[in-house]
Amino acid sequence: MALARNEQETIVIFDVEVGNWHIDTTYPPHIRKYAEQMGEIEEQTEDRLSGWVSDDYSSSFMVKKRRKLSEEEKKKLADRLKEARLS
């Protein structure tokens, strides 16, 4: 049974002793995203994924400020994309 949207979450912890990232998520897009990158999986169901990121993957997690585009910048990017699709 799927969790209510307001109960879905992703917890990412870096364990210094292990030197690796631990991910515990109940957010469906993150379950799909991280399933193939997990090494040691502690729990995997339709509604939850919990485990350690595999040593085969380099991983870092960051937060950055979203870029705010003006209407003119949006139009320029849209025009550039349109040109690229035509060529």
C-alpha atoms as a PDB file:
ATOM      1  CA  MET A   1       0.000   0.000   0.000  1.00  0.00           C
ATOM      2  CA  ALA A   2       1.430   3.369  -1.019  1.00  0.00           C
ATOM      3  CA  LEU A   3       2.163   5.934   1.638  1.00  0.00           C
ATOM      4  CA  ALA A   4       0.346   9.265   1.685  1.00  0.00           C
ATOM      5  CA  ARG A   5       2.344  11.955  -0.084  1.00  0.00           C
ATOM      6  CA  ASN A   6       2.907  13.901   3.137  1.00  0.00           C
ATOM      7  CA  GLU A   7       4.478  10.793   4.733  1.00  0.00           C
ATOM      8  CA  GLN A   8       7.010  10.104   1.943  1.00  0.00           C
ATOM      9  CA  GLU A   9      10.606  11.046   2.719  1.00  0.00           C
ATOM     10  CA  THR A  10      14.241  10.386   1.870  1.00  0.00           C
ATOM     11  CA  ILE A  11      16.943  10.300   4.521  1.00  0.00           C
ATOM     12  CA  VAL A  12      20.576  10.393   3.403  1.00  0.00           C
ATOM     13  CA  ILE A  13      23.313   9.888   6.008  1.00  0.00           C
ATOM     14  CA  PHE A  14      27.080   9.792   5.557  1.00  0.00           C
ATOM     15  CA  ASP A  15      28.719   7.388   8.010  1.00  0.00           C
ATOM     16  CA  VAL A  16      32.304   8.516   8.607  1.00  0.00           C
ATOM     17  CA  GLU A  17      33.397   5.181  10.090  1.00  0.00           C
ATOM     18  CA  VAL A  18      32.126   3.228   7.095  1.00  0.00           C
ATOM     19  CA  GLY A  19      33.050   5.990   4.645  1.00  0.00           C
ATOM     20  CA  ASN A  20      29.844   5.594   2.676  1.00  0.00           C
ATOM     21  CA  TRP A  21      26.330   6.931   2.251  1.00  0.00           C
ATOM     22  CA  HIS A  22      23.227   5.268   3.692  1.00  0.00           C
ATOM     23  CA  ILE A  23      19.887   5.978   2.016  1.00  0.00           C
ATOM     24  CA  ASP A  24      16.454   5.252   3.465  1.00  0.00           C
ATOM     25  CA  THR A  25      13.582   6.377   1.273  1.00  0.00           C
ATOM     26  CA  THR A  26       9.842   5.962   0.893  1.00  0.00           C
ATOM     27  CA  TYR A  27       9.629   8.451  -2.000  1.00  0.00           C
ATOM     28  CA  PRO A  28       8.877   6.428  -5.199  1.00  0.00           C
ATOM     29  CA  PRO A  29      11.063   8.451  -7.621  1.00  0.00           C
ATOM     30  CA  HIS A  30      14.032   8.044  -5.268  1.00  0.00           C
ATOM     31  CA  ILE A  31      13.332   4.328  -4.828  1.00  0.00           C
ATOM     32  CA  ARG A  32      13.607   3.899  -8.604  1.00  0.00           C
ATOM     33  CA  LYS A  33      16.631   6.216  -8.851  1.00  0.00           C
ATOM     34  CA  TYR A  34      18.743   4.633  -6.124  1.00  0.00           C
ATOM     35  CA  ALA A  35      17.741   0.950  -6.486  1.00  0.00           C
ATOM     36  CA  GLU A  36      20.473   0.176  -9.036  1.00  0.00           C
ATOM     37  CA  GLN A  37      23.104   2.170  -7.136  1.00  0.00           C
ATOM     38  CA  MET A  38      22.729   0.272  -3.885  1.00  0.00           C
ATOM     39  CA  GLY A  39      25.365  -2.203  -2.803  1.00  0.00           C
ATOM     40  CA  GLU A  40      24.136  -3.674   0.464  1.00  0.00           C
ATOM     41  CA  ILE A  41      20.339  -3.470   0.540  1.00  0.00           C
ATOM     42  CA  GLU A  42      18.797  -3.763   3.982  1.00  0.00           C
ATOM     43  CA  GLU A  43      15.181  -3.536   2.861  1.00  0.00           C
ATOM     44  CA  GLN A  44      13.545  -3.232  -0.535  1.00  0.00           C
ATOM     45  CA  THR A  45       9.806  -3.284  -1.057  1.00  0.00           C
ATOM     46  CA  GLU A  46       7.469  -1.484  -3.401  1.00  0.00           C
ATOM     47  CA  ASP A  47       7.135   1.329  -0.841  1.00  0.00           C
ATOM     48  CA  ARG A  48      10.602   1.479   0.738  1.00  0.00           C
ATOM     49  CA  LEU A  49      14.305   1.191  -0.046  1.00  0.00           C
ATOM     50  CA  SER A  50      17.009   1.169   2.596  1.00  0.00           C
ATOM     51  CA  GLY A  51      20.693   0.401   2.207  1.00  0.00           C
ATOM     52  CA  TRP A  52      24.242   1.521   1.454  1.00  0.00           C
ATOM     53  CA  VAL A  53      25.414   3.091  -1.807  1.00  0.00           C
ATOM     54  CA  SER A  54      27.674   0.676  -3.687  1.00  0.00           C
ATOM     55  CA  ASP A  55      31.423   1.350  -3.831  1.00  0.00           C
ATOM     56  CA  ASP A  56      31.058   1.138  -7.630  1.00  0.00           C
ATOM     57  CA  TYR A  57      29.360   4.550  -7.571  1.00  0.00           C
ATOM     58  CA  SER A  58      30.901   7.820  -6.495  1.00  0.00           C
ATOM     59  CA  SER A  59      28.321   9.843  -4.687  1.00  0.00           C
ATOM     60  CA  SER A  60      27.914  13.236  -3.175  1.00  0.00           C
ATOM     61  CA  PHE A  61      24.824  15.075  -2.175  1.00  0.00           C
ATOM     62  CA  MET A  62      24.494  18.817  -2.406  1.00  0.00           C
ATOM     63  CA  VAL A  63      21.998  21.572  -2.071  1.00  0.00           C
ATOM     64  CA  LYS A  64      22.176  24.585  -4.305  1.00  0.00           C
ATOM     65  CA  LYS A  65      20.086  27.638  -4.922  1.00  0.00           C
ATOM     66  CA  ARG A  66      17.687  27.326  -7.853  1.00  0.00           C
ATOM     67  CA  ARG A  67      18.405  29.510 -10.819  1.00  0.00           C
ATOM     68  CA  LYS A  68      15.707  32.114 -11.470  1.00  0.00           C
ATOM     69  CA  LEU A  69      15.343  33.003 -15.133  1.00  0.00           C
ATOM     70  CA  SER A  70      13.783  36.154 -16.483  1.00  0.00           C
ATOM     71  CA  GLU A  71      11.181  35.854 -19.235  1.00  0.00           C
ATOM     72  CA  GLU A  72      13.801  36.999 -21.759  1.00  0.00           C
ATOM     73  CA  GLU A  73      16.271  34.299 -20.629  1.00  0.00           C
ATOM     74  CA  LYS A  74      13.525  31.652 -20.824  1.00  0.00           C
ATOM     75  CA  LYS A  75      12.678  32.733 -24.369  1.00  0.00           C
ATOM     76  CA  LYS A  76      16.349  32.603 -25.444  1.00  0.00           C
ATOM     77  CA  LEU A  77      16.746  29.102 -24.032  1.00  0.00           C
ATOM     78  CA  ALA A  78      13.504  27.955 -25.683  1.00  0.00           C
ATOM     79  CA  ASP A  79      14.641  29.355 -29.038  1.00  0.00           C
ATOM     80  CA  ARG A  80      18.039  27.668 -28.714  1.00  0.00           C
ATOM     81  CA  LEU A  81      16.381  24.337 -27.904  1.00  0.00           C
ATOM     82  CA  LYS A  82      13.997  24.738 -30.846  1.00  0.00           C
ATOM     83  CA  GLU A  83      16.953  25.373 -33.201  1.00  0.00           C
ATOM     84  CA  ALA A  84      18.827  22.348 -31.873  1.00  0.00           C
ATOM     85  CA  ARG A  85      15.820  20.099 -32.437  1.00  0.00           C
ATOM     86  CA  LEU A  86      15.466  21.269 -36.033  1.00  0.00           C
ATOM     87  CA  SER A  87      19.086  20.591 -36.943  1.00  0.00           C
END
